[in-house]
């Protein structure tokens, strides 16, 4: 009985302390497109290590991660990542600034570029506190480096959402499920 109680406490604490990242569809419903208002979209977001950017776009666009100079000048000369599959996911694995442009010069010059600042970690809220940024189950440990982190959207795991609204409150639901399971196990044992 003591071992079961200790195991249950460890499971609850593990659930409470697990960090889940948010999945953001860049540009919301407009996607990665010249018609999207990226400065307004990014202004309403806070990105943390473990979050994921999902770029959805047509065959006339690309996603290129570049340095600050490439972003400012719409240049793909020093591209860090490049993709043209139409569905690109980029895990945010480290804090700092990240810069993305469309590789079509006229699109980039027309505003199809995105600069994001990635914060260290989301702070944990006490139980009962309002849920902050949208959460979705994503394992940031699966990405080994920024260069290998970009993936074709067709290979996304089924739990990765294309909407930043998916998964709000998953930590609370997970905690409630674990607590309910613990109470049922204790009730059976008594």
N, C-alpha and C. Protein backbone atom coordinates (compact mmCIF):
# COMPACT_ATOMS: atom_id res chain seq x y z
N UNK A 1 0.83 -1.19 0.00
CA UNK A 1 0.00 0.00 0.00
C UNK A 1 0.88 1.25 0.00
N UNK A 2 1.95 1.24 0.82
CA UNK A 2 2.85 2.39 0.87
C UNK A 2 3.52 2.62 -0.48
N UNK A 3 3.91 1.52 -1.14
CA UNK A 3 4.55 1.65 -2.45
C UNK A 3 3.59 2.24 -3.47
N UNK A 4 2.33 1.86 -3.41
CA UNK A 4 1.34 2.38 -4.33
C UNK A 4 1.13 3.88 -4.11
N UNK A 5 1.09 4.28 -2.86
CA UNK A 5 0.92 5.70 -2.55
C UNK A 5 2.12 6.50 -3.03
N UNK A 6 3.32 6.01 -2.81
CA UNK A 6 4.53 6.71 -3.26
C UNK A 6 4.55 6.79 -4.79
N UNK A 7 4.19 5.69 -5.46
CA UNK A 7 4.15 5.68 -6.91
C UNK A 7 3.13 6.68 -7.43
N UNK A 8 2.00 6.76 -6.78
CA UNK A 8 0.96 7.71 -7.20
C UNK A 8 1.40 9.15 -7.02
N UNK A 9 2.05 9.45 -5.90
CA UNK A 9 2.54 10.81 -5.66
C UNK A 9 3.58 11.19 -6.71
N UNK A 10 4.47 10.26 -7.03
CA UNK A 10 5.48 10.52 -8.05
C UNK A 10 4.82 10.77 -9.41
N UNK A 11 3.79 9.99 -9.74
CA UNK A 11 3.08 10.17 -11.01
C UNK A 11 2.41 11.54 -11.07
N UNK A 12 1.78 11.95 -9.98
CA UNK A 12 1.12 13.26 -9.95
C UNK A 12 2.14 14.38 -10.08
N UNK A 13 3.22 14.30 -9.35
CA UNK A 13 4.26 15.33 -9.44
C UNK A 13 4.87 15.38 -10.83
N UNK A 14 5.10 14.22 -11.42
CA UNK A 14 5.65 14.19 -12.77
C UNK A 14 4.71 14.84 -13.77
N UNK A 15 3.42 14.62 -13.61
CA UNK A 15 2.44 15.23 -14.50
C UNK A 15 2.42 16.73 -14.31
N UNK A 16 2.44 17.18 -13.07
CA UNK A 16 2.38 18.61 -12.79
C UNK A 16 3.62 19.35 -13.29
N UNK A 17 4.76 18.69 -13.23
CA UNK A 17 6.01 19.37 -13.58
C UNK A 17 6.39 19.21 -15.05
N UNK A 18 5.62 18.40 -15.80
CA UNK A 18 5.97 18.22 -17.21
C UNK A 18 5.66 19.50 -17.98
N UNK A 19 6.57 19.87 -18.85
CA UNK A 19 6.37 21.08 -19.66
C UNK A 19 5.82 20.67 -21.03
N UNK A 20 4.82 21.36 -21.46
CA UNK A 20 4.25 21.10 -22.77
C UNK A 20 4.38 22.37 -23.59
N UNK A 21 4.76 22.22 -24.84
CA UNK A 21 4.91 23.37 -25.70
C UNK A 21 3.66 23.63 -26.51
N UNK A 22 3.52 24.86 -26.94
CA UNK A 22 2.39 25.26 -27.77
C UNK A 22 2.75 25.07 -29.24
N UNK A 23 1.74 24.80 -30.04
CA UNK A 23 1.90 24.67 -31.48
C UNK A 23 1.19 25.85 -32.12
N UNK A 24 1.94 26.67 -32.86
CA UNK A 24 1.41 27.88 -33.47
C UNK A 24 1.38 27.74 -34.98
N UNK A 25 0.22 27.92 -35.57
CA UNK A 25 0.11 27.99 -37.02
C UNK A 25 0.45 29.43 -37.42
N UNK A 26 1.57 29.59 -38.10
CA UNK A 26 2.06 30.92 -38.46
C UNK A 26 1.04 31.61 -39.37
N UNK A 27 0.64 32.82 -38.97
CA UNK A 27 -0.32 33.59 -39.74
C UNK A 27 -1.76 33.19 -39.51
N UNK A 28 -2.01 32.31 -38.54
CA UNK A 28 -3.36 31.80 -38.27
C UNK A 28 -4.00 31.26 -39.54
N UNK A 29 -5.23 31.62 -39.83
CA UNK A 29 -5.95 31.03 -40.97
C UNK A 29 -5.35 31.44 -42.32
N UNK A 30 -4.67 32.57 -42.40
CA UNK A 30 -4.04 32.98 -43.66
C UNK A 30 -2.83 32.10 -43.97
N UNK A 31 -2.22 31.54 -42.94
CA UNK A 31 -1.03 30.72 -43.13
C UNK A 31 0.17 31.56 -43.52
N UNK A 32 1.18 30.89 -44.07
CA UNK A 32 2.41 31.54 -44.53
C UNK A 32 2.12 32.04 -45.94
N UNK A 33 1.62 33.26 -46.02
CA UNK A 33 1.16 33.81 -47.29
C UNK A 33 1.38 35.32 -47.30
N UNK A 34 1.51 35.88 -48.47
CA UNK A 34 1.74 37.32 -48.64
C UNK A 34 0.58 38.13 -48.05
N UNK A 35 -0.61 37.55 -47.96
CA UNK A 35 -1.78 38.27 -47.44
C UNK A 35 -1.81 38.36 -45.92
N UNK A 36 -0.98 37.58 -45.24
CA UNK A 36 -0.99 37.56 -43.77
C UNK A 36 -0.29 38.80 -43.21
N UNK A 37 -0.75 39.23 -42.06
CA UNK A 37 -0.15 40.37 -41.36
C UNK A 37 0.75 39.83 -40.26
N UNK A 38 1.97 39.47 -40.62
CA UNK A 38 2.88 38.83 -39.67
C UNK A 38 3.29 39.73 -38.50
N UNK A 39 3.53 41.02 -38.70
CA UNK A 39 3.86 41.86 -37.55
C UNK A 39 2.74 41.87 -36.49
N UNK A 40 1.49 41.93 -36.92
CA UNK A 40 0.38 41.89 -35.97
C UNK A 40 0.26 40.52 -35.32
N UNK A 41 0.42 39.47 -36.12
CA UNK A 41 0.30 38.11 -35.59
C UNK A 41 1.35 37.84 -34.51
N UNK A 42 2.59 38.18 -34.78
CA UNK A 42 3.66 37.88 -33.84
C UNK A 42 3.57 38.75 -32.59
N UNK A 43 3.02 39.96 -32.74
CA UNK A 43 2.89 40.87 -31.60
C UNK A 43 1.98 40.28 -30.51
N UNK A 44 1.04 39.42 -30.89
CA UNK A 44 0.11 38.81 -29.94
C UNK A 44 0.58 37.47 -29.40
N UNK A 45 1.82 37.10 -29.67
CA UNK A 45 2.32 35.79 -29.26
C UNK A 45 3.53 35.93 -28.33
N UNK A 46 3.69 34.96 -27.46
CA UNK A 46 4.92 34.80 -26.69
C UNK A 46 5.38 33.38 -26.92
N UNK A 47 6.60 33.23 -27.41
CA UNK A 47 7.12 31.91 -27.75
C UNK A 47 8.13 31.47 -26.69
N UNK A 48 8.08 30.17 -26.38
CA UNK A 48 8.97 29.58 -25.39
C UNK A 48 9.70 28.39 -25.99
N UNK A 49 10.83 28.04 -25.39
CA UNK A 49 11.53 26.83 -25.78
C UNK A 49 10.55 25.67 -25.63
N UNK A 50 10.47 24.84 -26.64
CA UNK A 50 9.53 23.72 -26.64
C UNK A 50 8.31 23.97 -27.49
N UNK A 51 8.05 25.23 -27.85
CA UNK A 51 6.94 25.53 -28.74
C UNK A 51 7.32 25.13 -30.17
N UNK A 52 6.31 25.08 -31.04
CA UNK A 52 6.52 24.68 -32.43
C UNK A 52 5.82 25.68 -33.35
N UNK A 53 6.52 26.10 -34.40
CA UNK A 53 5.91 26.92 -35.45
C UNK A 53 5.53 26.00 -36.60
N UNK A 54 4.30 26.13 -37.09
CA UNK A 54 3.85 25.36 -38.24
C UNK A 54 3.58 26.34 -39.37
N UNK A 55 4.31 26.18 -40.45
CA UNK A 55 4.14 27.02 -41.64
C UNK A 55 3.34 26.22 -42.66
N UNK A 56 2.18 26.75 -43.08
CA UNK A 56 1.37 26.12 -44.12
C UNK A 56 1.30 27.09 -45.29
N UNK A 57 1.62 26.61 -46.49
CA UNK A 57 1.74 27.51 -47.62
C UNK A 57 1.57 26.74 -48.92
N UNK A 58 1.39 27.49 -50.02
CA UNK A 58 1.23 26.85 -51.32
C UNK A 58 2.58 26.72 -52.03
N UNK A 59 2.54 26.16 -53.24
CA UNK A 59 3.78 25.86 -53.97
C UNK A 59 4.54 27.09 -54.45
N UNK A 60 3.95 28.27 -54.30
CA UNK A 60 4.61 29.49 -54.75
C UNK A 60 5.46 30.13 -53.65
N UNK A 61 5.54 29.50 -52.48
CA UNK A 61 6.29 30.06 -51.36
C UNK A 61 7.32 29.06 -50.85
N UNK A 62 8.24 29.55 -50.06
CA UNK A 62 9.19 28.71 -49.35
C UNK A 62 9.30 29.24 -47.93
N UNK A 63 9.88 28.44 -47.07
CA UNK A 63 10.24 28.89 -45.71
C UNK A 63 11.75 28.79 -45.62
N UNK A 64 12.37 29.92 -45.35
CA UNK A 64 13.82 29.95 -45.18
C UNK A 64 14.12 30.59 -43.83
N UNK A 65 14.86 29.87 -43.00
CA UNK A 65 15.34 30.49 -41.77
C UNK A 65 16.69 31.11 -42.09
N UNK A 66 16.82 32.37 -41.74
CA UNK A 66 18.02 33.14 -42.07
C UNK A 66 18.53 33.86 -40.83
N UNK A 67 19.68 34.48 -40.95
CA UNK A 67 20.20 35.31 -39.86
C UNK A 67 19.55 36.69 -39.93
N UNK A 68 19.89 37.55 -39.00
CA UNK A 68 19.30 38.89 -38.92
C UNK A 68 19.54 39.69 -40.20
N UNK A 69 20.75 39.59 -40.75
CA UNK A 69 21.07 40.31 -41.98
C UNK A 69 20.21 39.81 -43.14
N UNK A 70 20.04 38.50 -43.24
CA UNK A 70 19.20 37.92 -44.28
C UNK A 70 17.76 38.37 -44.14
N UNK A 71 17.30 38.48 -42.90
CA UNK A 71 15.94 38.96 -42.63
C UNK A 71 15.79 40.42 -43.06
N UNK A 72 16.73 41.25 -42.64
CA UNK A 72 16.66 42.68 -42.96
C UNK A 72 16.75 42.95 -44.46
N UNK A 73 17.54 42.14 -45.18
CA UNK A 73 17.79 42.36 -46.60
C UNK A 73 17.04 41.39 -47.52
N UNK A 74 16.17 40.56 -46.94
CA UNK A 74 15.45 39.55 -47.74
C UNK A 74 16.41 38.71 -48.58
N UNK A 75 17.47 38.26 -47.94
CA UNK A 75 18.50 37.49 -48.63
C UNK A 75 18.55 36.05 -48.11
N UNK A 76 18.64 35.11 -49.04
CA UNK A 76 18.78 33.70 -48.67
C UNK A 76 20.22 33.22 -48.80
N UNK A 77 21.16 34.16 -48.89
CA UNK A 77 22.57 33.79 -49.05
C UNK A 77 23.08 32.91 -47.92
N UNK A 78 22.67 33.18 -46.70
CA UNK A 78 23.12 32.40 -45.54
C UNK A 78 21.95 31.68 -44.88
N UNK A 79 21.21 30.93 -45.68
CA UNK A 79 20.04 30.20 -45.18
C UNK A 79 20.46 29.11 -44.20
N UNK A 80 19.80 29.08 -43.05
CA UNK A 80 20.05 28.05 -42.04
C UNK A 80 19.18 26.83 -42.30
N UNK A 81 17.94 27.06 -42.70
CA UNK A 81 16.98 26.00 -43.03
C UNK A 81 16.19 26.45 -44.24
N UNK A 82 15.82 25.51 -45.08
CA UNK A 82 15.00 25.85 -46.25
C UNK A 82 14.04 24.70 -46.51
N UNK A 83 12.79 25.05 -46.85
CA UNK A 83 11.81 24.03 -47.17
C UNK A 83 10.78 24.61 -48.13
N UNK A 84 10.24 23.76 -48.99
CA UNK A 84 9.22 24.20 -49.94
C UNK A 84 8.12 23.16 -50.09
N UNK A 85 7.90 22.35 -49.06
CA UNK A 85 6.94 21.25 -49.13
C UNK A 85 5.49 21.69 -48.96
N UNK A 86 5.27 22.87 -48.42
CA UNK A 86 3.91 23.34 -48.17
C UNK A 86 3.49 23.21 -46.72
N UNK A 87 4.14 22.36 -45.98
CA UNK A 87 3.88 22.17 -44.54
C UNK A 87 5.22 21.98 -43.85
N UNK A 88 5.62 22.98 -43.11
CA UNK A 88 6.93 22.95 -42.46
C UNK A 88 6.75 23.17 -40.97
N UNK A 89 7.35 22.32 -40.16
CA UNK A 89 7.31 22.51 -38.72
C UNK A 89 8.71 22.87 -38.23
N UNK A 90 8.76 23.83 -37.34
CA UNK A 90 10.04 24.27 -36.79
C UNK A 90 9.93 24.28 -35.27
N UNK A 91 10.51 23.29 -34.60
CA UNK A 91 10.54 23.31 -33.13
C UNK A 91 11.47 24.42 -32.65
N UNK A 92 11.03 25.14 -31.65
CA UNK A 92 11.85 26.20 -31.05
C UNK A 92 12.62 25.58 -29.90
N UNK A 93 13.87 25.22 -30.16
CA UNK A 93 14.65 24.41 -29.23
C UNK A 93 15.59 25.20 -28.33
N UNK A 94 15.74 26.48 -28.59
CA UNK A 94 16.67 27.28 -27.79
C UNK A 94 16.16 28.72 -27.71
N UNK A 95 16.49 29.41 -26.61
CA UNK A 95 16.07 30.81 -26.51
C UNK A 95 16.84 31.68 -27.49
N UNK A 96 16.24 32.81 -27.85
CA UNK A 96 16.91 33.75 -28.75
C UNK A 96 16.00 34.18 -29.88
N UNK A 97 16.58 34.89 -30.83
CA UNK A 97 15.83 35.40 -31.97
C UNK A 97 15.94 34.43 -33.14
N UNK A 98 14.81 34.23 -33.84
CA UNK A 98 14.77 33.40 -35.03
C UNK A 98 14.13 34.23 -36.14
N UNK A 99 14.63 34.06 -37.36
CA UNK A 99 14.19 34.87 -38.49
C UNK A 99 13.80 33.96 -39.66
N UNK A 100 12.62 34.21 -40.24
CA UNK A 100 12.11 33.41 -41.34
C UNK A 100 11.66 34.34 -42.47
N UNK A 101 11.95 33.95 -43.70
CA UNK A 101 11.52 34.73 -44.86
C UNK A 101 11.01 33.76 -45.92
N UNK A 102 10.21 34.29 -46.84
CA UNK A 102 9.90 33.56 -48.06
C UNK A 102 11.08 33.77 -48.99
N UNK A 103 11.55 32.69 -49.62
CA UNK A 103 12.70 32.78 -50.50
C UNK A 103 12.43 33.50 -51.81
N UNK A 104 11.17 33.79 -52.09
CA UNK A 104 10.83 34.57 -53.28
C UNK A 104 11.03 36.04 -52.91
N UNK A 105 12.00 36.68 -53.51
CA UNK A 105 12.41 38.03 -53.12
C UNK A 105 11.24 39.01 -53.06
N UNK A 106 10.40 39.02 -54.07
CA UNK A 106 9.29 39.99 -54.08
C UNK A 106 8.29 39.73 -52.95
N UNK A 107 8.13 38.46 -52.56
CA UNK A 107 7.24 38.14 -51.44
C UNK A 107 7.83 38.66 -50.13
N UNK A 108 9.11 38.41 -49.94
CA UNK A 108 9.78 38.89 -48.72
C UNK A 108 9.74 40.41 -48.65
N UNK A 109 10.06 41.06 -49.76
CA UNK A 109 10.03 42.52 -49.78
C UNK A 109 8.62 43.05 -49.53
N UNK A 110 7.62 42.23 -49.87
CA UNK A 110 6.22 42.61 -49.65
C UNK A 110 5.74 42.33 -48.23
N UNK A 111 6.64 41.84 -47.38
CA UNK A 111 6.29 41.63 -45.97
C UNK A 111 6.18 40.19 -45.52
N UNK A 112 6.49 39.25 -46.40
CA UNK A 112 6.39 37.85 -46.03
C UNK A 112 7.66 37.40 -45.33
N UNK A 113 7.79 37.90 -44.09
CA UNK A 113 8.92 37.54 -43.25
C UNK A 113 8.47 37.62 -41.80
N UNK A 114 9.16 36.86 -40.96
CA UNK A 114 8.74 36.73 -39.57
C UNK A 114 9.97 36.68 -38.67
N UNK A 115 9.96 37.50 -37.64
CA UNK A 115 11.01 37.48 -36.61
C UNK A 115 10.34 37.10 -35.29
N UNK A 116 10.86 36.07 -34.64
CA UNK A 116 10.30 35.67 -33.35
C UNK A 116 11.40 35.66 -32.30
N UNK A 117 11.01 36.00 -31.09
CA UNK A 117 11.91 35.91 -29.94
C UNK A 117 11.44 34.75 -29.09
N UNK A 118 12.33 33.81 -28.83
CA UNK A 118 12.00 32.62 -28.05
C UNK A 118 12.51 32.83 -26.62
N UNK A 119 11.59 32.75 -25.67
CA UNK A 119 11.92 32.90 -24.25
C UNK A 119 12.40 31.57 -23.70
N UNK A 120 13.12 31.63 -22.57
CA UNK A 120 13.67 30.41 -21.96
C UNK A 120 12.62 29.36 -21.67
N UNK A 121 11.82 29.56 -20.68
CA UNK A 121 10.83 28.56 -20.30
C UNK A 121 9.57 29.22 -19.82
N UNK A 122 8.50 28.52 -20.04
CA UNK A 122 7.20 28.93 -19.53
C UNK A 122 7.24 28.69 -18.01
N UNK A 123 6.77 29.66 -17.22
CA UNK A 123 6.75 29.45 -15.78
C UNK A 123 5.56 28.59 -15.43
N UNK A 124 5.75 27.72 -14.45
CA UNK A 124 4.66 26.85 -14.02
C UNK A 124 3.69 27.63 -13.15
N UNK A 125 2.41 27.46 -13.42
CA UNK A 125 1.38 28.12 -12.63
C UNK A 125 0.93 27.20 -11.51
N UNK A 126 0.58 27.76 -10.36
CA UNK A 126 0.05 26.91 -9.30
C UNK A 126 -1.29 26.33 -9.73
N UNK A 127 -1.67 25.23 -9.10
CA UNK A 127 -2.94 24.59 -9.40
C UNK A 127 -4.06 25.59 -9.20
N UNK A 128 -4.96 25.64 -10.16
CA UNK A 128 -6.10 26.55 -10.07
C UNK A 128 -5.84 27.91 -10.70
N UNK A 129 -4.59 28.18 -11.06
CA UNK A 129 -4.29 29.45 -11.70
C UNK A 129 -4.82 29.43 -13.13
N UNK A 130 -5.11 30.57 -13.70
CA UNK A 130 -5.60 30.60 -15.09
C UNK A 130 -4.58 30.00 -16.03
N UNK A 131 -5.06 29.32 -17.05
CA UNK A 131 -4.19 28.72 -18.03
C UNK A 131 -3.61 29.82 -18.90
N UNK A 132 -2.31 29.78 -19.14
CA UNK A 132 -1.63 30.81 -19.91
C UNK A 132 -1.66 30.52 -21.39
N UNK A 133 -0.50 30.44 -21.99
CA UNK A 133 -0.38 30.24 -23.43
C UNK A 133 -0.95 28.88 -23.80
N UNK A 134 -1.39 28.72 -25.05
CA UNK A 134 -1.95 27.45 -25.47
C UNK A 134 -0.92 26.34 -25.38
N UNK A 135 -1.38 25.17 -24.98
CA UNK A 135 -0.48 24.05 -24.80
C UNK A 135 -0.90 22.90 -25.69
N UNK A 136 0.08 22.16 -26.17
CA UNK A 136 -0.17 20.97 -26.95
C UNK A 136 0.95 20.01 -26.65
N UNK A 137 0.67 18.71 -26.57
CA UNK A 137 1.75 17.78 -26.25
C UNK A 137 2.78 17.73 -27.35
N UNK A 138 4.00 18.11 -27.05
CA UNK A 138 5.10 18.06 -27.99
C UNK A 138 6.38 17.80 -27.22
N UNK A 139 7.20 16.90 -27.71
CA UNK A 139 8.43 16.56 -27.02
C UNK A 139 9.60 17.30 -27.66
N UNK A 140 10.04 18.41 -27.04
CA UNK A 140 11.14 19.17 -27.64
C UNK A 140 12.45 18.40 -27.65
N UNK A 141 12.55 17.32 -26.86
CA UNK A 141 13.78 16.54 -26.80
C UNK A 141 14.00 15.75 -28.09
N UNK A 142 12.93 15.56 -28.90
CA UNK A 142 13.06 14.77 -30.11
C UNK A 142 13.85 15.51 -31.19
N UNK A 143 13.97 16.81 -31.09
CA UNK A 143 14.73 17.58 -32.07
C UNK A 143 16.17 17.72 -31.58
N UNK A 144 17.11 17.28 -32.41
CA UNK A 144 18.51 17.29 -31.98
C UNK A 144 19.22 18.59 -32.27
N UNK A 145 18.87 19.23 -33.36
CA UNK A 145 19.50 20.50 -33.69
C UNK A 145 18.57 21.28 -34.59
N UNK A 146 18.73 22.59 -34.66
CA UNK A 146 17.86 23.36 -35.55
C UNK A 146 17.93 22.88 -36.99
N UNK A 147 19.10 22.45 -37.45
CA UNK A 147 19.24 22.03 -38.84
C UNK A 147 18.45 20.76 -39.12
N UNK A 148 18.33 19.85 -38.13
CA UNK A 148 17.59 18.62 -38.35
C UNK A 148 16.16 18.72 -37.85
N UNK A 149 15.79 19.85 -37.27
CA UNK A 149 14.48 19.98 -36.65
C UNK A 149 13.36 20.25 -37.65
N UNK A 150 13.68 20.81 -38.78
CA UNK A 150 12.64 21.14 -39.74
C UNK A 150 12.16 19.85 -40.40
N UNK A 151 10.85 19.66 -40.48
CA UNK A 151 10.32 18.43 -41.03
C UNK A 151 9.17 18.71 -41.97
N UNK A 152 8.95 17.79 -42.85
CA UNK A 152 7.82 17.87 -43.77
C UNK A 152 6.54 17.69 -42.97
N UNK A 153 5.56 18.52 -43.20
CA UNK A 153 4.30 18.46 -42.47
C UNK A 153 3.58 17.14 -42.65
N UNK A 154 3.86 16.41 -43.72
CA UNK A 154 3.21 15.11 -43.92
C UNK A 154 3.73 14.08 -42.94
N UNK A 155 4.87 14.33 -42.32
CA UNK A 155 5.43 13.40 -41.35
C UNK A 155 5.18 13.82 -39.92
N UNK A 156 4.28 14.78 -39.71
CA UNK A 156 3.99 15.23 -38.35
C UNK A 156 3.37 14.10 -37.55
N UNK A 157 3.74 13.95 -36.29
CA UNK A 157 3.04 12.99 -35.44
C UNK A 157 1.58 13.40 -35.33
N UNK A 158 0.72 12.42 -35.11
CA UNK A 158 -0.72 12.70 -35.11
C UNK A 158 -1.14 13.63 -33.99
N UNK A 159 -0.34 13.75 -32.92
CA UNK A 159 -0.75 14.60 -31.81
C UNK A 159 -0.36 16.07 -32.02
N UNK A 160 0.37 16.39 -33.07
CA UNK A 160 0.75 17.78 -33.31
C UNK A 160 -0.41 18.48 -34.00
N UNK A 161 -0.92 19.51 -33.36
CA UNK A 161 -2.06 20.24 -33.89
C UNK A 161 -1.61 21.32 -34.85
N UNK A 162 -2.48 21.66 -35.78
CA UNK A 162 -2.20 22.76 -36.68
C UNK A 162 -2.84 24.04 -36.18
N UNK A 163 -3.36 24.03 -34.97
CA UNK A 163 -4.01 25.21 -34.41
C UNK A 163 -3.41 25.50 -33.05
N UNK A 164 -3.11 26.77 -32.80
CA UNK A 164 -2.55 27.13 -31.50
C UNK A 164 -3.58 27.03 -30.40
N UNK A 165 -4.86 26.87 -30.74
CA UNK A 165 -5.90 26.76 -29.72
C UNK A 165 -6.03 25.35 -29.19
N UNK A 166 -5.52 24.35 -29.92
CA UNK A 166 -5.64 22.98 -29.48
C UNK A 166 -4.82 22.77 -28.21
N UNK A 167 -5.37 22.06 -27.27
CA UNK A 167 -4.60 21.64 -26.12
C UNK A 167 -4.57 22.60 -24.96
N UNK A 168 -5.36 23.67 -24.97
CA UNK A 168 -5.35 24.56 -23.81
C UNK A 168 -5.78 23.77 -22.59
N UNK A 169 -4.99 23.85 -21.55
CA UNK A 169 -5.36 23.21 -20.30
C UNK A 169 -5.03 21.73 -20.23
N UNK A 170 -4.21 21.21 -21.15
CA UNK A 170 -3.87 19.80 -21.11
C UNK A 170 -3.23 19.41 -19.78
N UNK A 171 -2.42 20.28 -19.22
CA UNK A 171 -1.77 19.96 -17.94
C UNK A 171 -2.79 19.74 -16.85
N UNK A 172 -3.81 20.56 -16.79
CA UNK A 172 -4.86 20.42 -15.78
C UNK A 172 -5.64 19.13 -16.01
N UNK A 173 -6.01 18.85 -17.27
CA UNK A 173 -6.75 17.62 -17.56
C UNK A 173 -5.92 16.40 -17.21
N UNK A 174 -4.65 16.42 -17.52
CA UNK A 174 -3.77 15.31 -17.21
C UNK A 174 -3.68 15.11 -15.70
N UNK A 175 -3.57 16.20 -14.98
CA UNK A 175 -3.50 16.13 -13.53
C UNK A 175 -4.80 15.56 -12.96
N UNK A 176 -5.95 16.03 -13.46
CA UNK A 176 -7.24 15.53 -12.98
C UNK A 176 -7.41 14.05 -13.29
N UNK A 177 -6.98 13.61 -14.45
CA UNK A 177 -7.06 12.20 -14.80
C UNK A 177 -6.20 11.37 -13.85
N UNK A 178 -4.98 11.81 -13.59
CA UNK A 178 -4.09 11.10 -12.68
C UNK A 178 -4.68 11.05 -11.27
N UNK A 179 -5.21 12.16 -10.81
CA UNK A 179 -5.82 12.20 -9.48
C UNK A 179 -7.02 11.26 -9.40
N UNK A 180 -7.86 11.27 -10.44
CA UNK A 180 -9.02 10.37 -10.47
C UNK A 180 -8.60 8.92 -10.44
N UNK A 181 -7.56 8.58 -11.18
CA UNK A 181 -7.05 7.21 -11.20
C UNK A 181 -6.52 6.83 -9.82
N UNK A 182 -5.80 7.73 -9.19
CA UNK A 182 -5.28 7.48 -7.84
C UNK A 182 -6.41 7.23 -6.87
N UNK A 183 -7.44 8.04 -6.91
CA UNK A 183 -8.57 7.87 -5.99
C UNK A 183 -9.30 6.54 -6.22
N UNK A 184 -9.43 6.15 -7.49
CA UNK A 184 -10.07 4.86 -7.78
C UNK A 184 -9.23 3.71 -7.25
N UNK A 185 -7.91 3.76 -7.42
CA UNK A 185 -7.02 2.70 -6.94
C UNK A 185 -7.10 2.63 -5.42
N UNK A 186 -7.07 3.78 -4.76
CA UNK A 186 -7.16 3.80 -3.29
C UNK A 186 -8.50 3.27 -2.82
N UNK A 187 -9.60 3.61 -3.50
CA UNK A 187 -10.92 3.14 -3.12
C UNK A 187 -11.01 1.61 -3.24
N UNK A 188 -10.40 1.03 -4.27
CA UNK A 188 -10.42 -0.42 -4.45
C UNK A 188 -9.60 -1.09 -3.36
N UNK A 189 -8.48 -0.51 -2.99
CA UNK A 189 -7.60 -1.09 -1.97
C UNK A 189 -8.21 -1.02 -0.58
N UNK A 190 -9.07 -0.03 -0.31
CA UNK A 190 -9.67 0.11 1.01
C UNK A 190 -10.84 -0.77 1.07
